[in-house]
Amino acid sequence: MTSNELITKGDLEAFEKRLIEKIEIILQPGKGQSKQWLKSKDVRKLLNISPGTLQNLRINGTLSYTKIGGMMYYKLEDIHKVLEGGKH
């Protein structure tokens, strides 16, 4: 016997929100550690660049990123490579 359940758009949105929150918790650094992953706003602040410049760095492959739930995350080590003049 199978039961059918109706999943609404609201159910999916709530699931997405919970999933993103859990992923963000995983990406947060532990106490005493530096952040390993940064959000776009943090990268822009660190590099003192505009959103358009950051987008160009993504497009031309200078800076790698991972997109999760509409949010883009950047590895701190990749940002250091860009600052040192090396392409990732």
PDB file of N, CA and C in Angstrom:
ATOM      1  N   MET A   1       0.836  -1.167   0.000  1.00  0.00           N
ATOM      2  CA  MET A   1       0.000   0.000   0.000  1.00  0.00           C
ATOM      3  C   MET A   1       0.892   1.244   0.000  1.00  0.00           C
ATOM      4  N   THR A   2       0.644   2.161  -0.910  1.00  0.00           N
ATOM      5  CA  THR A   2       1.426   3.385  -0.982  1.00  0.00           C
ATOM      6  C   THR A   2       0.552   4.564  -0.584  1.00  0.00           C
ATOM      7  N   SER A   3       1.178   5.525   0.025  1.00  0.00           N
ATOM      8  CA  SER A   3       0.427   6.731   0.369  1.00  0.00           C
ATOM      9  C   SER A   3       0.918   7.861  -0.519  1.00  0.00           C
ATOM     10  N   ASN A   4       0.007   8.627  -1.004  1.00  0.00           N
ATOM     11  CA  ASN A   4       0.359   9.769  -1.831  1.00  0.00           C
ATOM     12  C   ASN A   4       0.301  11.030  -0.986  1.00  0.00           C
ATOM     13  N   GLU A   5       1.347  11.819  -1.124  1.00  0.00           N
ATOM     14  CA  GLU A   5       1.393  13.073  -0.403  1.00  0.00           C
ATOM     15  C   GLU A   5       1.577  14.195  -1.407  1.00  0.00           C
ATOM     16  N   LEU A   6       0.922  15.279  -1.174  1.00  0.00           N
ATOM     17  CA  LEU A   6       1.039  16.442  -2.029  1.00  0.00           C
ATOM     18  C   LEU A   6       2.092  17.370  -1.443  1.00  0.00           C
ATOM     19  N   ILE A   7       3.088  17.692  -2.252  1.00  0.00           N
ATOM     20  CA  ILE A   7       4.135  18.608  -1.820  1.00  0.00           C
ATOM     21  C   ILE A   7       3.872  19.939  -2.506  1.00  0.00           C
ATOM     22  N   THR A   8       3.728  20.962  -1.704  1.00  0.00           N
ATOM     23  CA  THR A   8       3.411  22.281  -2.245  1.00  0.00           C
ATOM     24  C   THR A   8       4.694  23.074  -2.502  1.00  0.00           C
ATOM     25  N   LYS A   9       4.555  24.157  -3.220  1.00  0.00           N
ATOM     26  CA  LYS A   9       5.682  25.056  -3.470  1.00  0.00           C
ATOM     27  C   LYS A   9       6.223  25.588  -2.143  1.00  0.00           C
ATOM     28  N   GLY A  10       5.322  25.876  -1.205  1.00  0.00           N
ATOM     29  CA  GLY A  10       5.737  26.347   0.118  1.00  0.00           C
ATOM     30  C   GLY A  10       6.575  25.313   0.855  1.00  0.00           C
ATOM     31  N   ASP A  11       6.190  24.035   0.711  1.00  0.00           N
ATOM     32  CA  ASP A  11       6.972  22.954   1.329  1.00  0.00           C
ATOM     33  C   ASP A  11       8.391  22.935   0.767  1.00  0.00           C
ATOM     34  N   LEU A  12       8.499  23.070  -0.563  1.00  0.00           N
ATOM     35  CA  LEU A  12       9.817  23.052  -1.201  1.00  0.00           C
ATOM     36  C   LEU A  12      10.652  24.266  -0.798  1.00  0.00           C
ATOM     37  N   GLU A  13      10.012  25.428  -0.700  1.00  0.00           N
ATOM     38  CA  GLU A  13      10.730  26.628  -0.288  1.00  0.00           C
ATOM     39  C   GLU A  13      11.223  26.508   1.152  1.00  0.00           C
ATOM     40  N   ALA A  14      10.409  25.937   2.019  1.00  0.00           N
ATOM     41  CA  ALA A  14      10.813  25.737   3.416  1.00  0.00           C
ATOM     42  C   ALA A  14      11.983  24.754   3.495  1.00  0.00           C
ATOM     43  N   PHE A  15      11.925  23.691   2.686  1.00  0.00           N
ATOM     44  CA  PHE A  15      13.005  22.713   2.645  1.00  0.00           C
ATOM     45  C   PHE A  15      14.295  23.363   2.158  1.00  0.00           C
ATOM     46  N   GLU A  16      14.183  24.178   1.089  1.00  0.00           N
ATOM     47  CA  GLU A  16      15.356  24.859   0.553  1.00  0.00           C
ATOM     48  C   GLU A  16      15.984  25.762   1.616  1.00  0.00           C
ATOM     49  N   LYS A  17      15.165  26.501   2.332  1.00  0.00           N
ATOM     50  CA  LYS A  17      15.670  27.412   3.362  1.00  0.00           C
ATOM     51  C   LYS A  17      16.412  26.642   4.448  1.00  0.00           C
ATOM     52  N   ARG A  18      15.820  25.534   4.909  1.00  0.00           N
ATOM     53  CA  ARG A  18      16.476  24.722   5.946  1.00  0.00           C
ATOM     54  C   ARG A  18      17.789  24.138   5.428  1.00  0.00           C
ATOM     55  N   LEU A  19      17.794  23.693   4.181  1.00  0.00           N
ATOM     56  CA  LEU A  19      18.997  23.108   3.591  1.00  0.00           C
ATOM     57  C   LEU A  19      20.113  24.147   3.489  1.00  0.00           C
ATOM     58  N   ILE A  20      19.785  25.332   3.019  1.00  0.00           N
ATOM     59  CA  ILE A  20      20.779  26.393   2.895  1.00  0.00           C
ATOM     60  C   ILE A  20      21.323  26.778   4.263  1.00  0.00           C
ATOM     61  N   GLU A  21      20.452  26.864   5.260  1.00  0.00           N
ATOM     62  CA  GLU A  21      20.907  27.191   6.617  1.00  0.00           C
ATOM     63  C   GLU A  21      21.890  26.152   7.124  1.00  0.00           C
ATOM     64  N   LYS A  22      21.610  24.878   6.866  1.00  0.00           N
ATOM     65  CA  LYS A  22      22.513  23.815   7.315  1.00  0.00           C
ATOM     66  C   LYS A  22      23.843  23.874   6.571  1.00  0.00           C
ATOM     67  N   ILE A  23      23.803  24.154   5.280  1.00  0.00           N
ATOM     68  CA  ILE A  23      25.040  24.268   4.502  1.00  0.00           C
ATOM     69  C   ILE A  23      25.867  25.435   5.001  1.00  0.00           C
ATOM     70  N   GLU A  24      25.219  26.556   5.298  1.00  0.00           N
ATOM     71  CA  GLU A  24      25.951  27.713   5.813  1.00  0.00           C
ATOM     72  C   GLU A  24      26.606  27.408   7.156  1.00  0.00           C
ATOM     73  N   ILE A  25      25.943  26.614   7.990  1.00  0.00           N
ATOM     74  CA  ILE A  25      26.535  26.213   9.270  1.00  0.00           C
ATOM     75  C   ILE A  25      27.781  25.373   9.026  1.00  0.00           C
ATOM     76  N   ILE A  26      27.704  24.470   8.053  1.00  0.00           N
ATOM     77  CA  ILE A  26      28.851  23.620   7.719  1.00  0.00           C
ATOM     78  C   ILE A  26      30.011  24.463   7.206  1.00  0.00           C
ATOM     79  N   LEU A  27      29.697  25.494   6.427  1.00  0.00           N
ATOM     80  CA  LEU A  27      30.744  26.327   5.837  1.00  0.00           C
ATOM     81  C   LEU A  27      31.360  27.309   6.822  1.00  0.00           C
ATOM     82  N   GLN A  28      30.720  27.510   7.978  1.00  0.00           N
ATOM     83  CA  GLN A  28      31.259  28.443   8.963  1.00  0.00           C
ATOM     84  C   GLN A  28      32.506  27.846   9.595  1.00  0.00           C
ATOM     85  N   PRO A  29      33.484  28.695   9.866  1.00  0.00           N
ATOM     86  CA  PRO A  29      34.708  28.193  10.480  1.00  0.00           C
ATOM     87  C   PRO A  29      34.489  27.849  11.952  1.00  0.00           C
ATOM     88  N   GLY A  30      35.306  26.949  12.438  1.00  0.00           N
ATOM     89  CA  GLY A  30      35.276  26.632  13.860  1.00  0.00           C
ATOM     90  C   GLY A  30      35.992  27.716  14.636  1.00  0.00           C
ATOM     91  N   LYS A  31      35.857  27.673  15.931  1.00  0.00           N
ATOM     92  CA  LYS A  31      36.509  28.681  16.773  1.00  0.00           C
ATOM     93  C   LYS A  31      38.020  28.585  16.591  1.00  0.00           C
ATOM     94  N   GLY A  32      38.633  29.740  16.434  1.00  0.00           N
ATOM     95  CA  GLY A  32      40.084  29.782  16.303  1.00  0.00           C
ATOM     96  C   GLY A  32      40.583  29.519  14.901  1.00  0.00           C
ATOM     97  N   GLN A  33      39.702  29.228  13.966  1.00  0.00           N
ATOM     98  CA  GLN A  33      40.118  28.971  12.595  1.00  0.00           C
ATOM     99  C   GLN A  33      39.709  30.161  11.735  1.00  0.00           C
ATOM    100  N   SER A  34      40.453  30.384  10.669  1.00  0.00           N
ATOM    101  CA  SER A  34      40.038  31.432   9.751  1.00  0.00           C
ATOM    102  C   SER A  34      38.982  30.857   8.802  1.00  0.00           C
ATOM    103  N   LYS A  35      38.180  31.735   8.235  1.00  0.00           N
ATOM    104  CA  LYS A  35      37.146  31.296   7.302  1.00  0.00           C
ATOM    105  C   LYS A  35      37.781  30.650   6.092  1.00  0.00           C
ATOM    106  N   GLN A  36      37.227  29.531   5.664  1.00  0.00           N
ATOM    107  CA  GLN A  36      37.730  28.862   4.471  1.00  0.00           C
ATOM    108  C   GLN A  36      36.921  29.248   3.245  1.00  0.00           C
ATOM    109  N   TRP A  37      35.663  29.626   3.433  1.00  0.00           N
ATOM    110  CA  TRP A  37      34.773  30.004   2.344  1.00  0.00           C
ATOM    111  C   TRP A  37      34.209  31.385   2.619  1.00  0.00           C
ATOM    112  N   LEU A  38      34.161  32.222   1.601  1.00  0.00           N
ATOM    113  CA  LEU A  38      33.646  33.576   1.737  1.00  0.00           C
ATOM    114  C   LEU A  38      32.499  33.803   0.764  1.00  0.00           C
ATOM    115  N   LYS A  39      31.555  34.637   1.176  1.00  0.00           N
ATOM    116  CA  LYS A  39      30.466  35.044   0.298  1.00  0.00           C
ATOM    117  C   LYS A  39      30.952  36.184  -0.587  1.00  0.00           C
ATOM    118  N   SER A  40      30.174  36.470  -1.639  1.00  0.00           N
ATOM    119  CA  SER A  40      30.553  37.515  -2.599  1.00  0.00           C
ATOM    120  C   SER A  40      30.830  38.856  -1.924  1.00  0.00           C
ATOM    121  N   LYS A  41      29.960  39.253  -0.992  1.00  0.00           N
ATOM    122  CA  LYS A  41      30.146  40.560  -0.349  1.00  0.00           C
ATOM    123  C   LYS A  41      31.459  40.610   0.424  1.00  0.00           C
ATOM    124  N   ASP A  42      31.845  39.488   1.033  1.00  0.00           N
ATOM    125  CA  ASP A  42      33.094  39.443   1.784  1.00  0.00           C
ATOM    126  C   ASP A  42      34.302  39.530   0.851  1.00  0.00           C
ATOM    127  N   VAL A  43      34.195  38.866  -0.307  1.00  0.00           N
ATOM    128  CA  VAL A  43      35.279  38.899  -1.293  1.00  0.00           C
ATOM    129  C   VAL A  43      35.434  40.316  -1.847  1.00  0.00           C
ATOM    130  N   ARG A  44      34.307  40.949  -2.169  1.00  0.00           N
ATOM    131  CA  ARG A  44      34.355  42.318  -2.694  1.00  0.00           C
ATOM    132  C   ARG A  44      34.999  43.263  -1.683  1.00  0.00           C
ATOM    133  N   LYS A  45      34.659  43.087  -0.422  1.00  0.00           N
ATOM    134  CA  LYS A  45      35.230  43.936   0.632  1.00  0.00           C
ATOM    135  C   LYS A  45      36.731  43.668   0.781  1.00  0.00           C
ATOM    136  N   LEU A  46      37.101  42.399   0.778  1.00  0.00           N
ATOM    137  CA  LEU A  46      38.501  42.022   0.947  1.00  0.00           C
ATOM    138  C   LEU A  46      39.363  42.546  -0.197  1.00  0.00           C
ATOM    139  N   LEU A  47      38.854  42.440  -1.429  1.00  0.00           N
ATOM    140  CA  LEU A  47      39.618  42.866  -2.600  1.00  0.00           C
ATOM    141  C   LEU A  47      39.356  44.323  -2.978  1.00  0.00           C
ATOM    142  N   ASN A  48      38.396  44.947  -2.299  1.00  0.00           N
ATOM    143  CA  ASN A  48      38.001  46.326  -2.594  1.00  0.00           C
ATOM    144  C   ASN A  48      37.614  46.482  -4.074  1.00  0.00           C
ATOM    145  N   ILE A  49      36.671  45.633  -4.504  1.00  0.00           N
ATOM    146  CA  ILE A  49      36.222  45.646  -5.896  1.00  0.00           C
ATOM    147  C   ILE A  49      34.702  45.746  -5.957  1.00  0.00           C
ATOM    148  N   SER A  50      34.204  46.106  -7.114  1.00  0.00           N
ATOM    149  CA  SER A  50      32.765  46.241  -7.328  1.00  0.00           C
ATOM    150  C   SER A  50      32.155  44.883  -7.664  1.00  0.00           C
ATOM    151  N   PRO A  51      30.820  44.777  -7.591  1.00  0.00           N
ATOM    152  CA  PRO A  51      30.161  43.526  -7.997  1.00  0.00           C
ATOM    153  C   PRO A  51      30.480  43.154  -9.445  1.00  0.00           C
ATOM    154  N   GLY A  52      30.573  44.150 -10.325  1.00  0.00           N
ATOM    155  CA  GLY A  52      30.890  43.881 -11.730  1.00  0.00           C
ATOM    156  C   GLY A  52      32.284  43.307 -11.920  1.00  0.00           C
ATOM    157  N   THR A  53      33.240  43.828 -11.160  1.00  0.00           N
ATOM    158  CA  THR A  53      34.606  43.308 -11.242  1.00  0.00           C
ATOM    159  C   THR A  53      34.663  41.875 -10.745  1.00  0.00           C
ATOM    160  N   LEU A  54      33.953  41.586  -9.669  1.00  0.00           N
ATOM    161  CA  LEU A  54      33.908  40.215  -9.156  1.00  0.00           C
ATOM    162  C   LEU A  54      33.282  39.286 -10.193  1.00  0.00           C
ATOM    163  N   GLN A  55      32.233  39.749 -10.841  1.00  0.00           N
ATOM    164  CA  GLN A  55      31.594  38.954 -11.886  1.00  0.00           C
ATOM    165  C   GLN A  55      32.585  38.690 -13.022  1.00  0.00           C
ATOM    166  N   ASN A  56      33.355  39.691 -13.415  1.00  0.00           N
ATOM    167  CA  ASN A  56      34.363  39.499 -14.465  1.00  0.00           C
ATOM    168  C   ASN A  56      35.423  38.482 -14.054  1.00  0.00           C
ATOM    169  N   LEU A  57      35.817  38.497 -12.783  1.00  0.00           N
ATOM    170  CA  LEU A  57      36.790  37.509 -12.294  1.00  0.00           C
ATOM    171  C   LEU A  57      36.227  36.100 -12.387  1.00  0.00           C
ATOM    172  N   ARG A  58      34.915  35.958 -12.142  1.00  0.00           N
ATOM    173  CA  ARG A  58      34.271  34.639 -12.272  1.00  0.00           C
ATOM    174  C   ARG A  58      34.207  34.226 -13.743  1.00  0.00           C
ATOM    175  N   ILE A  59      33.746  35.160 -14.594  1.00  0.00           N
ATOM    176  CA  ILE A  59      33.530  34.859 -16.008  1.00  0.00           C
ATOM    177  C   ILE A  59      34.829  34.468 -16.706  1.00  0.00           C
ATOM    178  N   ASN A  60      35.901  35.218 -16.449  1.00  0.00           N
ATOM    179  CA  ASN A  60      37.149  34.920 -17.152  1.00  0.00           C
ATOM    180  C   ASN A  60      37.969  33.806 -16.490  1.00  0.00           C
ATOM    181  N   GLY A  61      37.427  33.215 -15.416  1.00  0.00           N
ATOM    182  CA  GLY A  61      38.078  32.067 -14.792  1.00  0.00           C
ATOM    183  C   GLY A  61      39.200  32.411 -13.832  1.00  0.00           C
ATOM    184  N   THR A  62      39.373  33.689 -13.543  1.00  0.00           N
ATOM    185  CA  THR A  62      40.428  34.091 -12.613  1.00  0.00           C
ATOM    186  C   THR A  62      40.125  33.604 -11.201  1.00  0.00           C
ATOM    187  N   LEU A  63      38.852  33.604 -10.850  1.00  0.00           N
ATOM    188  CA  LEU A  63      38.456  33.219  -9.491  1.00  0.00           C
ATOM    189  C   LEU A  63      37.363  32.158  -9.555  1.00  0.00           C
ATOM    190  N   SER A  64      37.649  30.990  -9.009  1.00  0.00           N
ATOM    191  CA  SER A  64      36.679  29.889  -8.957  1.00  0.00           C
ATOM    192  C   SER A  64      35.652  30.162  -7.873  1.00  0.00           C
ATOM    193  N   TYR A  65      34.484  29.564  -8.028  1.00  0.00           N
ATOM    194  CA  TYR A  65      33.432  29.718  -7.030  1.00  0.00           C
ATOM    195  C   TYR A  65      32.540  28.482  -7.035  1.00  0.00           C
ATOM    196  N   THR A  66      31.774  28.355  -5.976  1.00  0.00           N
ATOM    197  CA  THR A  66      30.782  27.299  -5.852  1.00  0.00           C
ATOM    198  C   THR A  66      29.455  27.968  -5.561  1.00  0.00           C
ATOM    199  N   LYS A  67      28.435  27.575  -6.317  1.00  0.00           N
ATOM    200  CA  LYS A  67      27.114  28.170  -6.135  1.00  0.00           C
ATOM    201  C   LYS A  67      26.219  27.171  -5.414  1.00  0.00           C
ATOM    202  N   ILE A  68      25.659  27.607  -4.297  1.00  0.00           N
ATOM    203  CA  ILE A  68      24.760  26.768  -3.504  1.00  0.00           C
ATOM    204  C   ILE A  68      23.517  27.578  -3.199  1.00  0.00           C
ATOM    205  N   GLY A  69      22.392  27.134  -3.702  1.00  0.00           N
ATOM    206  CA  GLY A  69      21.124  27.796  -3.407  1.00  0.00           C
ATOM    207  C   GLY A  69      21.092  29.266  -3.788  1.00  0.00           C
ATOM    208  N   GLY A  70      21.726  29.626  -4.864  1.00  0.00           N
ATOM    209  CA  GLY A  70      21.733  31.008  -5.307  1.00  0.00           C
ATOM    210  C   GLY A  70      22.834  31.853  -4.684  1.00  0.00           C
ATOM    211  N   MET A  71      23.536  31.318  -3.709  1.00  0.00           N
ATOM    212  CA  MET A  71      24.648  32.040  -3.065  1.00  0.00           C
ATOM    213  C   MET A  71      25.961  31.524  -3.645  1.00  0.00           C
ATOM    214  N   MET A  72      26.880  32.443  -3.879  1.00  0.00           N
ATOM    215  CA  MET A  72      28.189  32.058  -4.390  1.00  0.00           C
ATOM    216  C   MET A  72      29.208  32.107  -3.267  1.00  0.00           C
ATOM    217  N   TYR A  73      30.020  31.063  -3.206  1.00  0.00           N
ATOM    218  CA  TYR A  73      31.054  30.952  -2.185  1.00  0.00           C
ATOM    219  C   TYR A  73      32.409  30.805  -2.875  1.00  0.00           C
ATOM    220  N   TYR A  74      33.422  31.399  -2.256  1.00  0.00           N
ATOM    221  CA  TYR A  74      34.770  31.412  -2.810  1.00  0.00           C
ATOM    222  C   TYR A  74      35.739  30.876  -1.768  1.00  0.00           C
ATOM    223  N   LYS A  75      36.671  30.036  -2.203  1.00  0.00           N
ATOM    224  CA  LYS A  75      37.684  29.517  -1.289  1.00  0.00           C
ATOM    225  C   LYS A  75      38.685  30.624  -0.977  1.00  0.00           C
ATOM    226  N   LEU A  76      39.003  30.759   0.289  1.00  0.00           N
ATOM    227  CA  LEU A  76      39.959  31.773   0.719  1.00  0.00           C
ATOM    228  C   LEU A  76      41.314  31.553   0.054  1.00  0.00           C
ATOM    229  N   GLU A  77      41.715  30.303  -0.099  1.00  0.00           N
ATOM    230  CA  GLU A  77      43.022  30.018  -0.717  1.00  0.00           C
ATOM    231  C   GLU A  77      43.046  30.476  -2.182  1.00  0.00           C
ATOM    232  N   ASP A  78      41.908  30.398  -2.883  1.00  0.00           N
ATOM    233  CA  ASP A  78      41.842  30.875  -4.264  1.00  0.00           C
ATOM    234  C   ASP A  78      41.984  32.395  -4.321  1.00  0.00           C
ATOM    235  N   ILE A  79      41.402  33.071  -3.344  1.00  0.00           N
ATOM    236  CA  ILE A  79      41.506  34.523  -3.280  1.00  0.00           C
ATOM    237  C   ILE A  79      42.954  34.929  -3.027  1.00  0.00           C
ATOM    238  N   HIS A  80      43.642  34.183  -2.161  1.00  0.00           N
ATOM    239  CA  HIS A  80      45.054  34.466  -1.900  1.00  0.00           C
ATOM    240  C   HIS A  80      45.882  34.289  -3.167  1.00  0.00           C
ATOM    241  N   LYS A  81      45.546  33.281  -3.974  1.00  0.00           N
ATOM    242  CA  LYS A  81      46.275  33.065  -5.243  1.00  0.00           C
ATOM    243  C   LYS A  81      46.072  34.240  -6.181  1.00  0.00           C
ATOM    244  N   VAL A  82      44.867  34.765  -6.230  1.00  0.00           N
ATOM    245  CA  VAL A  82      44.602  35.930  -7.079  1.00  0.00           C
ATOM    246  C   VAL A  82      45.413  37.122  -6.579  1.00  0.00           C
ATOM    247  N   LEU A  83      45.454  37.323  -5.271  1.00  0.00           N
ATOM    248  CA  LEU A  83      46.201  38.450  -4.696  1.00  0.00           C
ATOM    249  C   LEU A  83      47.701  38.313  -4.966  1.00  0.00           C
ATOM    250  N   GLU A  84      48.179  37.078  -5.035  1.00  0.00           N
ATOM    251  CA  GLU A  84      49.596  36.837  -5.302  1.00  0.00           C
ATOM    252  C   GLU A  84      49.920  36.894  -6.786  1.00  0.00           C
ATOM    253  N   GLY A  85      48.881  37.082  -7.607  1.00  0.00           N
ATOM    254  CA  GLY A  85      49.099  37.218  -9.043  1.00  0.00           C
ATOM    255  C   GLY A  85      48.993  35.925  -9.813  1.00  0.00           C
ATOM    256  N   GLY A  86      48.713  34.829  -9.126  1.00  0.00           N
ATOM    257  CA  GLY A  86      48.556  33.547  -9.812  1.00  0.00           C
ATOM    258  C   GLY A  86      47.126  33.274 -10.137  1.00  0.00           C
ATOM    259  N   LYS A  87      46.904  32.706 -11.299  1.00  0.00           N
ATOM    260  CA  LYS A  87      45.546  32.357 -11.719  1.00  0.00           C
ATOM    261  C   LYS A  87      45.230  30.974 -11.189  1.00  0.00           C
ATOM    262  N   HIS A  88      44.013  30.800 -10.655  1.00  0.00           N
ATOM    263  CA  HIS A  88      43.607  29.495 -10.112  1.00  0.00           C
ATOM    264  C   HIS A  88      43.303  28.542 -11.244  1.00  0.00           C
TER     265      HIS A  88
END
